[in-house]
């Protein structure tokens, strides 16, 4: 059995200015702070002698590989992203970057912001534009009925509020 997995699609190449700033800050932190620290630790561990049984050296090299991999990913991804900073011409419809408050048939309300796939964070109520809910919401107006294909079946909700902050 092979360990090959087909590459994951990168998703929609859109990002908010806040998301881009977070990615650039992470890249800066990894390249200018973490990597020099780990490199220093690896060279100190290498100076101790036998590298084949030196746990600090082996762990440090592994950390360097992980940091370099993440730096490569962030650098390539930031090159291909388009920052969407302007508000749409029609603020009464749902587009990328909108804060949307929806209400389900049971009266439960939830507020989500539609962002790029790199910014996805459900704890902060940020949903990806590639998600089924966001795809169903895009282009809809206030008070529109939205049907979403969820894993548990079709759900219906209503758009209560649209904001662009």
Protein backbone atom coordinates (compact mmCIF):
# COMPACT_ATOMS: atom_id res chain seq x y z
CA UNK A 1 0.00 0.00 0.00
CA UNK A 2 1.36 3.39 -1.02
CA UNK A 3 1.48 6.54 1.08
CA UNK A 4 0.83 8.72 -1.96
CA UNK A 5 -1.94 11.26 -1.58
CA UNK A 6 -2.98 13.46 -4.47
CA UNK A 7 -2.19 17.14 -3.89
CA UNK A 8 -4.95 19.12 -2.22
CA UNK A 9 -6.45 21.89 -4.30
CA UNK A 10 -5.29 25.30 -3.12
CA UNK A 11 -8.81 26.73 -3.12
CA UNK A 12 -9.93 30.16 -4.18
CA UNK A 13 -6.94 32.54 -4.36
CA UNK A 14 -8.65 35.35 -2.42
CA UNK A 15 -7.70 36.75 0.98
CA UNK A 16 -8.71 39.67 3.18
CA UNK A 17 -6.11 42.29 4.17
CA UNK A 18 -6.22 40.99 7.75
CA UNK A 19 -5.56 37.43 6.57
CA UNK A 20 -2.64 38.53 4.43
CA UNK A 21 -1.16 40.45 7.36
CA UNK A 22 -1.43 37.33 9.57
CA UNK A 23 0.26 35.16 6.92
CA UNK A 24 3.06 37.71 6.41
CA UNK A 25 3.55 37.97 10.19
CA UNK A 26 3.79 34.17 10.45
CA UNK A 27 6.31 34.09 7.59
CA UNK A 28 8.40 36.82 9.25
CA UNK A 29 8.23 35.05 12.64
CA UNK A 30 9.32 31.72 11.14
CA UNK A 31 12.13 33.10 8.97
CA UNK A 32 13.57 35.83 11.19
CA UNK A 33 12.91 34.50 14.71
CA UNK A 34 12.25 30.75 14.92
CA UNK A 35 14.64 29.53 12.22
CA UNK A 36 17.72 31.34 13.62
CA UNK A 37 16.91 30.00 17.11
CA UNK A 38 16.56 26.40 15.87
CA UNK A 39 19.68 26.74 13.69
CA UNK A 40 21.66 27.89 16.73
CA UNK A 41 20.32 24.98 18.81
CA UNK A 42 21.24 22.49 16.05
CA UNK A 43 24.80 23.80 15.76
CA UNK A 44 25.22 23.63 19.55
CA UNK A 45 23.90 20.04 19.55
CA UNK A 46 26.19 19.13 16.64
CA UNK A 47 29.20 20.41 18.58
CA UNK A 48 28.51 17.85 21.33
CA UNK A 49 29.81 15.02 19.19
CA UNK A 50 28.10 11.83 17.97
CA UNK A 51 25.10 12.94 15.93
CA UNK A 52 23.57 9.51 15.41
CA UNK A 53 22.37 9.26 19.02
CA UNK A 54 22.02 12.98 19.72
CA UNK A 55 18.28 13.61 20.30
CA UNK A 56 18.63 17.41 20.34
CA UNK A 57 20.40 17.34 16.98
CA UNK A 58 17.86 14.97 15.38
CA UNK A 59 14.88 16.92 16.74
CA UNK A 60 16.44 20.23 15.68
CA UNK A 61 16.97 19.01 12.11
CA UNK A 62 13.34 17.83 12.02
CA UNK A 63 12.17 21.25 13.24
CA UNK A 64 14.27 22.97 10.56
CA UNK A 65 12.65 20.82 7.86
CA UNK A 66 9.17 21.69 9.16
CA UNK A 67 9.97 25.41 9.34
CA UNK A 68 11.48 25.40 5.83
CA UNK A 69 8.45 23.54 4.47
CA UNK A 70 6.03 26.06 6.01
CA UNK A 71 8.15 29.01 4.78
CA UNK A 72 8.10 27.61 1.23
CA UNK A 73 4.32 27.11 1.40
CA UNK A 74 3.66 30.62 2.74
CA UNK A 75 5.98 32.26 0.21
CA UNK A 76 4.38 30.50 -2.77
CA UNK A 77 0.84 30.99 -1.46
CA UNK A 78 1.33 34.73 -0.80
CA UNK A 79 2.59 35.17 -4.38
CA UNK A 80 -0.62 33.70 -5.80
CA UNK A 81 -3.19 35.37 -3.53
CA UNK A 82 -5.30 38.37 -4.48
CA UNK A 83 -6.05 40.72 -1.59
CA UNK A 84 -9.66 41.93 -1.66
CA UNK A 85 -9.72 45.20 0.28
CA UNK A 86 -12.49 47.20 -1.39
CA UNK A 87 -16.14 46.83 -0.53
CA UNK A 88 -18.55 45.68 -3.26
CA UNK A 89 -20.62 48.18 -5.23
CA UNK A 90 -23.85 46.65 -3.86
CA UNK A 91 -23.54 46.31 -0.05
CA UNK A 92 -27.03 44.77 0.16
CA UNK A 93 -25.78 41.48 -1.28
CA UNK A 94 -23.39 38.90 0.13
CA UNK A 95 -19.91 38.91 -1.37
CA UNK A 96 -16.38 38.01 -0.25
CA UNK A 97 -15.48 39.62 3.08
CA UNK A 98 -19.06 40.11 4.26
CA UNK A 99 -20.26 39.47 7.80
CA UNK A 100 -23.55 37.61 7.34
CA UNK A 101 -26.05 36.88 10.08
CA UNK A 102 -28.31 33.95 9.25
CA UNK A 103 -31.27 32.44 11.04
CA UNK A 104 -32.32 28.82 10.71
CA UNK A 105 -35.86 27.48 10.76
CA UNK A 106 -35.64 26.97 14.53
CA UNK A 107 -34.90 30.66 15.15
CA UNK A 108 -31.20 30.14 15.97
CA UNK A 109 -28.98 32.96 14.68
CA UNK A 110 -25.33 32.73 13.69
CA UNK A 111 -22.94 35.33 12.27
CA UNK A 112 -20.15 34.36 9.86
CA UNK A 113 -17.57 36.20 7.78
CA UNK A 114 -16.82 34.86 4.32
CA UNK A 115 -13.03 34.71 3.88
CA UNK A 116 -10.42 32.86 1.84
CA UNK A 117 -9.56 29.20 2.53
CA UNK A 118 -6.28 30.21 4.21
CA UNK A 119 -8.14 32.18 6.89
CA UNK A 120 -10.69 29.55 7.90
CA UNK A 121 -11.30 29.64 11.67
CA UNK A 122 -14.67 28.51 13.01
CA UNK A 123 -13.85 29.73 16.54
CA UNK A 124 -13.72 33.28 15.16
CA UNK A 125 -16.74 32.59 12.89
CA UNK A 126 -14.66 32.80 9.70
CA UNK A 127 -15.87 30.43 6.97
CA UNK A 128 -14.15 29.69 3.68
CA UNK A 129 -15.63 30.98 0.45
CA UNK A 130 -15.27 27.39 -0.79
CA UNK A 131 -17.57 26.00 1.92
CA UNK A 132 -21.11 24.89 0.99
CA UNK A 133 -22.67 27.56 3.23
CA UNK A 134 -20.61 30.40 1.74
CA UNK A 135 -21.28 29.21 -1.82
CA UNK A 136 -25.00 29.22 -1.06
CA UNK A 137 -24.83 32.72 0.46
CA UNK A 138 -22.75 34.45 -2.25
CA UNK A 139 -24.84 36.83 -4.34
CA UNK A 140 -27.94 36.59 -2.15
CA UNK A 141 -29.71 39.69 -0.78
CA UNK A 142 -31.09 40.54 2.64
CA UNK A 143 -34.08 38.40 3.75
CA UNK A 144 -33.32 35.78 1.08
CA UNK A 145 -34.04 32.13 1.72
CA UNK A 146 -30.91 30.02 1.34
CA UNK A 147 -30.80 26.24 0.92
CA UNK A 148 -27.54 24.58 1.92
CA UNK A 149 -26.51 20.99 1.23
CA UNK A 150 -25.09 19.84 4.57
CA UNK A 151 -23.73 16.35 5.31
CA UNK A 152 -26.88 15.63 7.33
CA UNK A 153 -29.19 16.79 4.53
CA UNK A 154 -30.53 20.00 3.10
CA UNK A 155 -30.88 22.93 5.51
CA UNK A 156 -32.80 26.16 5.00
CA UNK A 157 -31.82 29.49 6.52
CA UNK A 158 -32.59 33.17 6.03
CA UNK A 159 -30.23 36.12 5.71
CA UNK A 160 -30.97 38.52 8.56
CA UNK A 161 -28.09 40.99 8.26
CA UNK A 162 -25.19 41.82 5.91
CA UNK A 163 -22.28 44.01 7.01
CA UNK A 164 -19.00 45.10 5.47
CA UNK A 165 -16.73 46.41 8.24
